[in-house]
């Protein structure tokens, strides 16, 4: 995917910011919720959000990924939810740290 325009002026890594993340575990289902803000000057679409989960001593445990089917305009926000069903309780309990980031996005020309 092309994440920069000609001349490298726009980059999803600096334009799209994740904030207000929350994680939940209910009846074997994990939900990670948050907000994506577009601080750039272009529209972004097909945004991929990744949650990386670590345990004690920073040991990698798991990751969850979701493509957000939205076109986010400049200065706009979009709520998102990543969900995983039948998630092992023991793995959930071992998570001590979670980092949520935008791992990919496509510049929309519309």
PDB file of N, CA and C in Angstrom:
ATOM      1  N   UNK A   1       0.831  -1.188   0.000  1.00  0.00           N
ATOM      2  CA  UNK A   1       0.000   0.000   0.000  1.00  0.00           C
ATOM      3  C   UNK A   1       0.868   1.240   0.000  1.00  0.00           C
ATOM      4  N   UNK A   2       0.357   2.257  -0.616  1.00  0.00           N
ATOM      5  CA  UNK A   2       1.079   3.528  -0.687  1.00  0.00           C
ATOM      6  C   UNK A   2       0.673   4.391   0.496  1.00  0.00           C
ATOM      7  N   UNK A   3       1.567   4.568   1.457  1.00  0.00           N
ATOM      8  CA  UNK A   3       1.220   5.366   2.618  1.00  0.00           C
ATOM      9  C   UNK A   3       1.824   6.753   2.582  1.00  0.00           C
ATOM     10  N   UNK A   4       2.525   7.067   1.520  1.00  0.00           N
ATOM     11  CA  UNK A   4       3.053   8.424   1.362  1.00  0.00           C
ATOM     12  C   UNK A   4       2.683   8.934  -0.023  1.00  0.00           C
ATOM     13  N   UNK A   5       2.438  10.220  -0.098  1.00  0.00           N
ATOM     14  CA  UNK A   5       2.207  10.840  -1.393  1.00  0.00           C
ATOM     15  C   UNK A   5       3.537  11.171  -2.041  1.00  0.00           C
ATOM     16  N   UNK A   6       3.501  11.475  -3.313  1.00  0.00           N
ATOM     17  CA  UNK A   6       4.712  11.875  -4.023  1.00  0.00           C
ATOM     18  C   UNK A   6       5.418  12.989  -3.257  1.00  0.00           C
ATOM     19  N   UNK A   7       6.694  12.824  -3.025  1.00  0.00           N
ATOM     20  CA  UNK A   7       7.445  13.814  -2.268  1.00  0.00           C
ATOM     21  C   UNK A   7       7.451  13.538  -0.775  1.00  0.00           C
ATOM     22  N   UNK A   8       6.718  12.486  -0.330  1.00  0.00           N
ATOM     23  CA  UNK A   8       6.736  12.098   1.075  1.00  0.00           C
ATOM     24  C   UNK A   8       6.093  13.095   2.030  1.00  0.00           C
ATOM     25  N   UNK A   9       5.109  13.876   1.568  1.00  0.00           N
ATOM     26  CA  UNK A   9       4.527  14.920   2.409  1.00  0.00           C
ATOM     27  C   UNK A   9       3.566  14.393   3.466  1.00  0.00           C
ATOM     28  N   UNK A  10       2.931  13.266   3.212  1.00  0.00           N
ATOM     29  CA  UNK A  10       1.909  12.754   4.128  1.00  0.00           C
ATOM     30  C   UNK A  10       2.273  11.334   4.552  1.00  0.00           C
ATOM     31  N   UNK A  11       2.190  11.090   5.846  1.00  0.00           N
ATOM     32  CA  UNK A  11       2.595   9.813   6.393  1.00  0.00           C
ATOM     33  C   UNK A  11       1.602   9.430   7.482  1.00  0.00           C
ATOM     34  N   UNK A  12       0.954   8.279   7.336  1.00  0.00           N
ATOM     35  CA  UNK A  12      -0.055   7.879   8.323  1.00  0.00           C
ATOM     36  C   UNK A  12       0.530   7.761   9.725  1.00  0.00           C
ATOM     37  N   UNK A  13       1.812   7.440   9.823  1.00  0.00           N
ATOM     38  CA  UNK A  13       2.431   7.259  11.145  1.00  0.00           C
ATOM     39  C   UNK A  13       2.460   8.552  11.958  1.00  0.00           C
ATOM     40  N   UNK A  14       2.491   9.689  11.294  1.00  0.00           N
ATOM     41  CA  UNK A  14       2.454  10.957  12.020  1.00  0.00           C
ATOM     42  C   UNK A  14       1.063  11.598  11.978  1.00  0.00           C
ATOM     43  N   UNK A  15       0.271  11.294  10.955  1.00  0.00           N
ATOM     44  CA  UNK A  15      -1.060  11.895  10.824  1.00  0.00           C
ATOM     45  C   UNK A  15      -2.103  11.253  11.738  1.00  0.00           C
ATOM     46  N   UNK A  16      -2.061   9.933  11.881  1.00  0.00           N
ATOM     47  CA  UNK A  16      -3.105   9.210  12.612  1.00  0.00           C
ATOM     48  C   UNK A  16      -2.639   8.873  14.025  1.00  0.00           C
ATOM     49  N   UNK A  17      -3.397   9.347  14.996  1.00  0.00           N
ATOM     50  CA  UNK A  17      -3.054   9.178  16.409  1.00  0.00           C
ATOM     51  C   UNK A  17      -4.140   8.334  17.084  1.00  0.00           C
ATOM     52  N   UNK A  18      -3.714   7.363  17.884  1.00  0.00           N
ATOM     53  CA  UNK A  18      -4.640   6.551  18.678  1.00  0.00           C
ATOM     54  C   UNK A  18      -4.723   7.154  20.082  1.00  0.00           C
ATOM     55  N   UNK A  19      -5.946   7.273  20.605  1.00  0.00           N
ATOM     56  CA  UNK A  19      -6.097   7.789  21.975  1.00  0.00           C
ATOM     57  C   UNK A  19      -7.274   7.100  22.658  1.00  0.00           C
ATOM     58  N   UNK A  20      -7.339   7.301  23.964  1.00  0.00           N
ATOM     59  CA  UNK A  20      -8.443   6.808  24.796  1.00  0.00           C
ATOM     60  C   UNK A  20      -8.694   5.312  24.627  1.00  0.00           C
ATOM     61  N   UNK A  21      -7.627   4.509  24.651  1.00  0.00           N
ATOM     62  CA  UNK A  21      -7.814   3.070  24.510  1.00  0.00           C
ATOM     63  C   UNK A  21      -8.295   2.451  25.819  1.00  0.00           C
ATOM     64  N   UNK A  22      -9.080   1.414  25.663  1.00  0.00           N
ATOM     65  CA  UNK A  22      -9.634   0.681  26.802  1.00  0.00           C
ATOM     66  C   UNK A  22      -9.686  -0.786  26.420  1.00  0.00           C
ATOM     67  N   UNK A  23      -9.361  -1.663  27.363  1.00  0.00           N
ATOM     68  CA  UNK A  23      -9.465  -3.096  27.091  1.00  0.00           C
ATOM     69  C   UNK A  23     -10.458  -3.729  28.060  1.00  0.00           C
ATOM     70  N   UNK A  24     -11.206  -4.724  27.548  1.00  0.00           N
ATOM     71  CA  UNK A  24     -12.215  -5.413  28.350  1.00  0.00           C
ATOM     72  C   UNK A  24     -12.143  -6.906  28.077  1.00  0.00           C
ATOM     73  N   UNK A  25     -12.498  -7.683  29.083  1.00  0.00           N
ATOM     74  CA  UNK A  25     -12.613  -9.134  28.927  1.00  0.00           C
ATOM     75  C   UNK A  25     -13.926  -9.556  29.570  1.00  0.00           C
ATOM     76  N   UNK A  26     -14.839 -10.098  28.748  1.00  0.00           N
ATOM     77  CA  UNK A  26     -16.145 -10.517  29.252  1.00  0.00           C
ATOM     78  C   UNK A  26     -16.530 -11.842  28.616  1.00  0.00           C
ATOM     79  N   UNK A  27     -16.756 -12.844  29.445  1.00  0.00           N
ATOM     80  CA  UNK A  27     -17.233 -14.154  28.970  1.00  0.00           C
ATOM     81  C   UNK A  27     -16.405 -14.701  27.808  1.00  0.00           C
ATOM     82  N   UNK A  28     -15.088 -14.587  27.898  1.00  0.00           N
ATOM     83  CA  UNK A  28     -14.205 -15.146  26.881  1.00  0.00           C
ATOM     84  C   UNK A  28     -13.976 -14.260  25.667  1.00  0.00           C
ATOM     85  N   UNK A  29     -14.535 -13.063  25.674  1.00  0.00           N
ATOM     86  CA  UNK A  29     -14.365 -12.141  24.538  1.00  0.00           C
ATOM     87  C   UNK A  29     -13.528 -10.938  24.965  1.00  0.00           C
ATOM     88  N   UNK A  30     -12.494 -10.666  24.176  1.00  0.00           N
ATOM     89  CA  UNK A  30     -11.656  -9.482  24.384  1.00  0.00           C
ATOM     90  C   UNK A  30     -12.180  -8.373  23.490  1.00  0.00           C
ATOM     91  N   UNK A  31     -12.289  -7.177  24.054  1.00  0.00           N
ATOM     92  CA  UNK A  31     -12.623  -5.986  23.277  1.00  0.00           C
ATOM     93  C   UNK A  31     -11.583  -4.913  23.582  1.00  0.00           C
ATOM     94  N   UNK A  32     -11.047  -4.326  22.533  1.00  0.00           N
ATOM     95  CA  UNK A  32     -10.137  -3.188  22.671  1.00  0.00           C
ATOM     96  C   UNK A  32     -10.791  -2.039  21.930  1.00  0.00           C
ATOM     97  N   UNK A  33     -11.068  -0.975  22.658  1.00  0.00           N
ATOM     98  CA  UNK A  33     -11.758   0.179  22.093  1.00  0.00           C
ATOM     99  C   UNK A  33     -10.847   1.393  22.121  1.00  0.00           C
ATOM    100  N   UNK A  34     -11.095   2.325  21.215  1.00  0.00           N
ATOM    101  CA  UNK A  34     -10.322   3.551  21.202  1.00  0.00           C
ATOM    102  C   UNK A  34     -10.806   4.506  20.129  1.00  0.00           C
ATOM    103  N   UNK A  35     -10.028   5.552  19.946  1.00  0.00           N
ATOM    104  CA  UNK A  35     -10.347   6.591  18.968  1.00  0.00           C
ATOM    105  C   UNK A  35      -9.124   6.827  18.099  1.00  0.00           C
ATOM    106  N   UNK A  36      -9.355   6.959  16.797  1.00  0.00           N
ATOM    107  CA  UNK A  36      -8.306   7.363  15.847  1.00  0.00           C
ATOM    108  C   UNK A  36      -8.574   8.812  15.486  1.00  0.00           C
ATOM    109  N   UNK A  37      -7.556   9.655  15.616  1.00  0.00           N
ATOM    110  CA  UNK A  37      -7.658  11.064  15.226  1.00  0.00           C
ATOM    111  C   UNK A  37      -6.783  11.296  14.008  1.00  0.00           C
ATOM    112  N   UNK A  38      -7.304  12.041  13.041  1.00  0.00           N
ATOM    113  CA  UNK A  38      -6.518  12.413  11.867  1.00  0.00           C
ATOM    114  C   UNK A  38      -6.002  13.836  12.063  1.00  0.00           C
ATOM    115  N   UNK A  39      -4.710  13.962  12.354  1.00  0.00           N
ATOM    116  CA  UNK A  39      -4.081  15.275  12.547  1.00  0.00           C
ATOM    117  C   UNK A  39      -3.450  15.787  11.255  1.00  0.00           C
ATOM    118  N   UNK A  40      -3.615  15.046  10.173  1.00  0.00           N
ATOM    119  CA  UNK A  40      -3.011  15.436   8.903  1.00  0.00           C
ATOM    120  C   UNK A  40      -3.916  16.319   8.059  1.00  0.00           C
ATOM    121  N   UNK A  41      -3.495  16.507   6.824  1.00  0.00           N
ATOM    122  CA  UNK A  41      -4.236  17.368   5.899  1.00  0.00           C
ATOM    123  C   UNK A  41      -4.891  16.582   4.768  1.00  0.00           C
ATOM    124  N   UNK A  42      -4.819  15.241   4.839  1.00  0.00           N
ATOM    125  CA  UNK A  42      -5.412  14.395   3.802  1.00  0.00           C
ATOM    126  C   UNK A  42      -6.341  13.370   4.443  1.00  0.00           C
ATOM    127  N   UNK A  43      -7.212  12.776   3.613  1.00  0.00           N
ATOM    128  CA  UNK A  43      -8.097  11.707   4.057  1.00  0.00           C
ATOM    129  C   UNK A  43      -7.309  10.402   4.127  1.00  0.00           C
ATOM    130  N   UNK A  44      -7.618   9.564   5.119  1.00  0.00           N
ATOM    131  CA  UNK A  44      -7.009   8.244   5.250  1.00  0.00           C
ATOM    132  C   UNK A  44      -8.114   7.204   5.309  1.00  0.00           C
ATOM    133  N   UNK A  45      -7.877   6.047   4.648  1.00  0.00           N
ATOM    134  CA  UNK A  45      -8.873   4.976   4.644  1.00  0.00           C
ATOM    135  C   UNK A  45      -8.182   3.624   4.796  1.00  0.00           C
ATOM    136  N   UNK A  46      -8.990   2.584   4.966  1.00  0.00           N
ATOM    137  CA  UNK A  46      -8.476   1.221   5.147  1.00  0.00           C
ATOM    138  C   UNK A  46      -7.368   1.193   6.203  1.00  0.00           C
ATOM    139  N   UNK A  47      -7.679   1.731   7.343  1.00  0.00           N
ATOM    140  CA  UNK A  47      -6.711   1.873   8.429  1.00  0.00           C
ATOM    141  C   UNK A  47      -6.616   0.552   9.187  1.00  0.00           C
ATOM    142  N   UNK A  48      -5.399   0.096   9.424  1.00  0.00           N
ATOM    143  CA  UNK A  48      -5.172  -1.133  10.179  1.00  0.00           C
ATOM    144  C   UNK A  48      -4.685  -0.752  11.575  1.00  0.00           C
ATOM    145  N   UNK A  49      -5.438  -1.194  12.592  1.00  0.00           N
ATOM    146  CA  UNK A  49      -5.086  -0.942  13.985  1.00  0.00           C
ATOM    147  C   UNK A  49      -4.589  -2.253  14.587  1.00  0.00           C
ATOM    148  N   UNK A  50      -3.449  -2.166  15.271  1.00  0.00           N
ATOM    149  CA  UNK A  50      -2.839  -3.346  15.880  1.00  0.00           C
ATOM    150  C   UNK A  50      -2.654  -3.106  17.378  1.00  0.00           C
ATOM    151  N   UNK A  51      -3.069  -4.094  18.174  1.00  0.00           N
ATOM    152  CA  UNK A  51      -2.847  -4.063  19.624  1.00  0.00           C
ATOM    153  C   UNK A  51      -1.813  -5.134  19.951  1.00  0.00           C
ATOM    154  N   UNK A  52      -0.666  -4.703  20.464  1.00  0.00           N
ATOM    155  CA  UNK A  52       0.393  -5.627  20.863  1.00  0.00           C
ATOM    156  C   UNK A  52       0.348  -5.770  22.376  1.00  0.00           C
ATOM    157  N   UNK A  53       0.288  -7.010  22.853  1.00  0.00           N
ATOM    158  CA  UNK A  53       0.144  -7.268  24.277  1.00  0.00           C
ATOM    159  C   UNK A  53       1.374  -7.983  24.819  1.00  0.00           C
ATOM    160  N   UNK A  54       1.850  -7.472  25.938  1.00  0.00           N
ATOM    161  CA  UNK A  54       3.042  -8.021  26.571  1.00  0.00           C
ATOM    162  C   UNK A  54       2.734  -8.402  28.006  1.00  0.00           C
ATOM    163  N   UNK A  55       3.553  -9.325  28.509  1.00  0.00           N
ATOM    164  CA  UNK A  55       3.426  -9.766  29.887  1.00  0.00           C
ATOM    165  C   UNK A  55       4.562  -9.231  30.726  1.00  0.00           C
ATOM    166  N   UNK A  56       4.808  -9.917  31.815  1.00  0.00           N
ATOM    167  CA  UNK A  56       5.889  -9.540  32.725  1.00  0.00           C
ATOM    168  C   UNK A  56       7.203  -9.423  31.984  1.00  0.00           C
ATOM    169  N   UNK A  57       8.020  -8.480  32.391  1.00  0.00           N
ATOM    170  CA  UNK A  57       9.341  -8.250  31.806  1.00  0.00           C
ATOM    171  C   UNK A  57       9.294  -7.926  30.314  1.00  0.00           C
ATOM    172  N   UNK A  58       8.132  -7.422  29.829  1.00  0.00           N
ATOM    173  CA  UNK A  58       8.013  -7.028  28.431  1.00  0.00           C
ATOM    174  C   UNK A  58       7.915  -8.170  27.452  1.00  0.00           C
ATOM    175  N   UNK A  59       7.705  -9.395  27.938  1.00  0.00           N
ATOM    176  CA  UNK A  59       7.623 -10.571  27.062  1.00  0.00           C
ATOM    177  C   UNK A  59       6.383 -10.488  26.174  1.00  0.00           C
ATOM    178  N   UNK A  60       6.595 -10.643  24.861  1.00  0.00           N
ATOM    179  CA  UNK A  60       5.506 -10.608  23.888  1.00  0.00           C
ATOM    180  C   UNK A  60       4.565 -11.790  24.122  1.00  0.00           C
ATOM    181  N   UNK A  61       3.253 -11.501  24.180  1.00  0.00           N
ATOM    182  CA  UNK A  61       2.269 -12.557  24.384  1.00  0.00           C
ATOM    183  C   UNK A  61       1.354 -12.754  23.185  1.00  0.00           C
ATOM    184  N   UNK A  62       0.888 -11.650  22.605  1.00  0.00           N
ATOM    185  CA  UNK A  62      -0.108 -11.781  21.545  1.00  0.00           C
ATOM    186  C   UNK A  62      -0.316 -10.439  20.863  1.00  0.00           C
ATOM    187  N   UNK A  63      -1.027 -10.478  19.747  1.00  0.00           N
ATOM    188  CA  UNK A  63      -1.463  -9.241  19.095  1.00  0.00           C
ATOM    189  C   UNK A  63      -2.795  -9.483  18.420  1.00  0.00           C
ATOM    190  N   UNK A  64      -3.577  -8.438  18.342  1.00  0.00           N
ATOM    191  CA  UNK A  64      -4.864  -8.458  17.650  1.00  0.00           C
ATOM    192  C   UNK A  64      -4.846  -7.322  16.639  1.00  0.00           C
ATOM    193  N   UNK A  65      -5.403  -7.580  15.462  1.00  0.00           N
ATOM    194  CA  UNK A  65      -5.383  -6.600  14.379  1.00  0.00           C
ATOM    195  C   UNK A  65      -6.769  -6.495  13.770  1.00  0.00           C
ATOM    196  N   UNK A  66      -7.115  -5.282  13.348  1.00  0.00           N
ATOM    197  CA  UNK A  66      -8.384  -5.070  12.643  1.00  0.00           C
ATOM    198  C   UNK A  66      -8.239  -3.957  11.621  1.00  0.00           C
ATOM    199  N   UNK A  67      -8.802  -4.180  10.440  1.00  0.00           N
ATOM    200  CA  UNK A  67      -8.881  -3.140   9.412  1.00  0.00           C
ATOM    201  C   UNK A  67     -10.158  -2.347   9.669  1.00  0.00           C
ATOM    202  N   UNK A  68     -10.020  -1.035   9.763  1.00  0.00           N
ATOM    203  CA  UNK A  68     -11.150  -0.147  10.026  1.00  0.00           C
ATOM    204  C   UNK A  68     -11.658   0.381   8.684  1.00  0.00           C
ATOM    205  N   UNK A  69     -12.872   0.002   8.296  1.00  0.00           N
ATOM    206  CA  UNK A  69     -13.394   0.394   6.975  1.00  0.00           C
ATOM    207  C   UNK A  69     -13.997   1.798   6.989  1.00  0.00           C
ATOM    208  N   UNK A  70     -13.162   2.780   7.233  1.00  0.00           N
ATOM    209  CA  UNK A  70     -13.648   4.159   7.310  1.00  0.00           C
ATOM    210  C   UNK A  70     -12.736   5.076   6.511  1.00  0.00           C
ATOM    211  N   UNK A  71     -13.274   6.183   6.081  1.00  0.00           N
ATOM    212  CA  UNK A  71     -12.509   7.243   5.437  1.00  0.00           C
ATOM    213  C   UNK A  71     -12.480   8.392   6.441  1.00  0.00           C
ATOM    214  N   UNK A  72     -11.308   8.638   7.021  1.00  0.00           N
ATOM    215  CA  UNK A  72     -11.207   9.660   8.069  1.00  0.00           C
ATOM    216  C   UNK A  72     -10.672  10.957   7.461  1.00  0.00           C
ATOM    217  N   UNK A  73     -11.501  11.970   7.522  1.00  0.00           N
ATOM    218  CA  UNK A  73     -11.151  13.283   6.978  1.00  0.00           C
ATOM    219  C   UNK A  73     -10.168  14.001   7.898  1.00  0.00           C
ATOM    220  N   UNK A  74      -9.462  15.011   7.388  1.00  0.00           N
ATOM    221  CA  UNK A  74      -8.579  15.804   8.253  1.00  0.00           C
ATOM    222  C   UNK A  74      -9.350  16.382   9.446  1.00  0.00           C
ATOM    223  N   UNK A  75      -8.724  16.349  10.612  1.00  0.00           N
ATOM    224  CA  UNK A  75      -9.277  16.853  11.865  1.00  0.00           C
ATOM    225  C   UNK A  75     -10.522  16.095  12.329  1.00  0.00           C
ATOM    226  N   UNK A  76     -10.734  14.891  11.805  1.00  0.00           N
ATOM    227  CA  UNK A  76     -11.886  14.077  12.212  1.00  0.00           C
ATOM    228  C   UNK A  76     -11.422  12.935  13.111  1.00  0.00           C
ATOM    229  N   UNK A  77     -12.389  12.306  13.783  1.00  0.00           N
ATOM    230  CA  UNK A  77     -12.088  11.152  14.619  1.00  0.00           C
ATOM    231  C   UNK A  77     -12.961   9.972  14.188  1.00  0.00           C
ATOM    232  N   UNK A  78     -12.529   8.794  14.548  1.00  0.00           N
ATOM    233  CA  UNK A  78     -13.291   7.569  14.280  1.00  0.00           C
ATOM    234  C   UNK A  78     -13.092   6.636  15.471  1.00  0.00           C
ATOM    235  N   UNK A  79     -14.181   6.126  16.008  1.00  0.00           N
ATOM    236  CA  UNK A  79     -14.104   5.136  17.081  1.00  0.00           C
ATOM    237  C   UNK A  79     -13.829   3.772  16.457  1.00  0.00           C
ATOM    238  N   UNK A  80     -13.113   2.927  17.190  1.00  0.00           N
ATOM    239  CA  UNK A  80     -12.852   1.580  16.688  1.00  0.00           C
ATOM    240  C   UNK A  80     -12.983   0.564  17.814  1.00  0.00           C
ATOM    241  N   UNK A  81     -13.189  -0.689  17.384  1.00  0.00           N
ATOM    242  CA  UNK A  81     -13.224  -1.809  18.323  1.00  0.00           C
ATOM    243  C   UNK A  81     -12.553  -3.001  17.655  1.00  0.00           C
ATOM    244  N   UNK A  82     -11.614  -3.593  18.369  1.00  0.00           N
ATOM    245  CA  UNK A  82     -10.995  -4.848  17.958  1.00  0.00           C
ATOM    246  C   UNK A  82     -11.565  -5.906  18.886  1.00  0.00           C
ATOM    247  N   UNK A  83     -12.012  -7.018  18.325  1.00  0.00           N
ATOM    248  CA  UNK A  83     -12.663  -8.033  19.134  1.00  0.00           C
ATOM    249  C   UNK A  83     -12.091  -9.413  18.826  1.00  0.00           C
ATOM    250  N   UNK A  84     -11.951 -10.225  19.871  1.00  0.00           N
ATOM    251  CA  UNK A  84     -11.524 -11.618  19.714  1.00  0.00           C
ATOM    252  C   UNK A  84     -12.381 -12.472  20.633  1.00  0.00           C
ATOM    253  N   UNK A  85     -13.061 -13.454  20.049  1.00  0.00           N
ATOM    254  CA  UNK A  85     -13.914 -14.349  20.833  1.00  0.00           C
ATOM    255  C   UNK A  85     -13.128 -15.588  21.247  1.00  0.00           C
ATOM    256  N   UNK A  86     -13.598 -16.244  22.289  1.00  0.00           N
ATOM    257  CA  UNK A  86     -12.983 -17.461  22.820  1.00  0.00           C
ATOM    258  C   UNK A  86     -11.506 -17.253  23.143  1.00  0.00           C
ATOM    259  N   UNK A  87     -11.198 -16.124  23.747  1.00  0.00           N
ATOM    260  CA  UNK A  87      -9.819 -15.780  24.109  1.00  0.00           C
ATOM    261  C   UNK A  87      -9.483 -16.439  25.447  1.00  0.00           C
ATOM    262  N   UNK A  88      -8.360 -17.136  25.542  1.00  0.00           N
ATOM    263  CA  UNK A  88      -8.015 -17.848  26.784  1.00  0.00           C
ATOM    264  C   UNK A  88      -7.867 -16.908  27.984  1.00  0.00           C
ATOM    265  N   UNK A  89      -8.559 -17.213  29.063  1.00  0.00           N
ATOM    266  CA  UNK A  89      -8.530 -16.387  30.272  1.00  0.00           C
ATOM    267  C   UNK A  89      -7.123 -16.290  30.849  1.00  0.00           C
ATOM    268  N   UNK A  90      -6.377 -17.394  30.833  1.00  0.00           N
ATOM    269  CA  UNK A  90      -5.013 -17.380  31.382  1.00  0.00           C
ATOM    270  C   UNK A  90      -4.125 -16.415  30.602  1.00  0.00           C
ATOM    271  N   UNK A  91      -4.271 -16.361  29.290  1.00  0.00           N
ATOM    272  CA  UNK A  91      -3.478 -15.422  28.487  1.00  0.00           C
ATOM    273  C   UNK A  91      -3.877 -13.990  28.803  1.00  0.00           C
ATOM    274  N   UNK A  92      -5.182 -13.732  28.918  1.00  0.00           N
ATOM    275  CA  UNK A  92      -5.665 -12.390  29.259  1.00  0.00           C
ATOM    276  C   UNK A  92      -5.097 -11.929  30.595  1.00  0.00           C
ATOM    277  N   UNK A  93      -5.126 -12.818  31.567  1.00  0.00           N
ATOM    278  CA  UNK A  93      -4.636 -12.473  32.905  1.00  0.00           C
ATOM    279  C   UNK A  93      -3.135 -12.191  32.925  1.00  0.00           C
ATOM    280  N   UNK A  94      -2.393 -12.745  31.969  1.00  0.00           N
ATOM    281  CA  UNK A  94      -0.930 -12.557  31.912  1.00  0.00           C
ATOM    282  C   UNK A  94      -0.530 -11.226  31.281  1.00  0.00           C
ATOM    283  N   UNK A  95      -1.474 -10.536  30.635  1.00  0.00           N
ATOM    284  CA  UNK A  95      -1.161  -9.270  29.962  1.00  0.00           C
ATOM    285  C   UNK A  95      -0.950  -8.169  30.995  1.00  0.00           C
ATOM    286  N   UNK A  96       0.215  -7.530  30.934  1.00  0.00           N
ATOM    287  CA  UNK A  96       0.508  -6.417  31.844  1.00  0.00           C
ATOM    288  C   UNK A  96       0.657  -5.092  31.104  1.00  0.00           C
ATOM    289  N   UNK A  97       0.839  -5.159  29.775  1.00  0.00           N
ATOM    290  CA  UNK A  97       1.044  -3.943  28.989  1.00  0.00           C
ATOM    291  C   UNK A  97       0.446  -4.144  27.603  1.00  0.00           C
ATOM    292  N   UNK A  98      -0.146  -3.092  27.070  1.00  0.00           N
ATOM    293  CA  UNK A  98      -0.723  -3.151  25.730  1.00  0.00           C
ATOM    294  C   UNK A  98      -0.392  -1.864  24.992  1.00  0.00           C
ATOM    295  N   UNK A  99       0.112  -1.996  23.765  1.00  0.00           N
ATOM    296  CA  UNK A  99       0.380  -0.843  22.912  1.00  0.00           C
ATOM    297  C   UNK A  99      -0.523  -0.955  21.692  1.00  0.00           C
ATOM    298  N   UNK A 100      -1.288   0.098  21.433  1.00  0.00           N
ATOM    299  CA  UNK A 100      -2.190   0.128  20.286  1.00  0.00           C
ATOM    300  C   UNK A 100      -1.667   1.163  19.314  1.00  0.00           C
ATOM    301  N   UNK A 101      -1.547   0.770  18.036  1.00  0.00           N
ATOM    302  CA  UNK A 101      -0.999   1.683  17.033  1.00  0.00           C
ATOM    303  C   UNK A 101      -1.655   1.449  15.680  1.00  0.00           C
ATOM    304  N   UNK A 102      -1.497   2.435  14.804  1.00  0.00           N
ATOM    305  CA  UNK A 102      -1.901   2.282  13.406  1.00  0.00           C
ATOM    306  C   UNK A 102      -0.722   1.644  12.695  1.00  0.00           C
ATOM    307  N   UNK A 103      -0.940   0.461  12.108  1.00  0.00           N
ATOM    308  CA  UNK A 103       0.162  -0.232  11.443  1.00  0.00           C
ATOM    309  C   UNK A 103       0.137  -0.073   9.932  1.00  0.00           C
ATOM    310  N   UNK A 104      -0.974   0.418   9.374  1.00  0.00           N
ATOM    311  CA  UNK A 104      -1.045   0.657   7.936  1.00  0.00           C
ATOM    312  C   UNK A 104      -2.265   1.538   7.651  1.00  0.00           C
ATOM    313  N   UNK A 105      -2.221   2.259   6.558  1.00  0.00           N
ATOM    314  CA  UNK A 105      -3.345   3.077   6.100  1.00  0.00           C
ATOM    315  C   UNK A 105      -3.099   3.471   4.660  1.00  0.00           C
ATOM    316  N   UNK A 106      -4.158   3.760   3.950  1.00  0.00           N
ATOM    317  CA  UNK A 106      -4.069   4.142   2.548  1.00  0.00           C
ATOM    318  C   UNK A 106      -4.573   5.572   2.400  1.00  0.00           C
ATOM    319  N   UNK A 107      -3.805   6.398   1.701  1.00  0.00           N
ATOM    320  CA  UNK A 107      -4.202   7.790   1.446  1.00  0.00           C
ATOM    321  C   UNK A 107      -5.366   7.792   0.468  1.00  0.00           C
ATOM    322  N   UNK A 108      -6.458   8.400   0.858  1.00  0.00           N
ATOM    323  CA  UNK A 108      -7.638   8.486   0.005  1.00  0.00           C
ATOM    324  C   UNK A 108      -7.576   9.749  -0.833  1.00  0.00           C
ATOM    325  N   UNK A 109      -7.874   9.614  -2.103  1.00  0.00           N
ATOM    326  CA  UNK A 109      -7.884  10.787  -2.991  1.00  0.00           C
ATOM    327  C   UNK A 109      -9.249  11.462  -2.999  1.00  0.00           C
ATOM    328  N   UNK A 110     -10.209  10.914  -2.241  1.00  0.00           N
ATOM    329  CA  UNK A 110     -11.582  11.462  -2.235  1.00  0.00           C
ATOM    330  C   UNK A 110     -11.952  12.000  -0.885  1.00  0.00           C
TER     331      UNK A 110
END
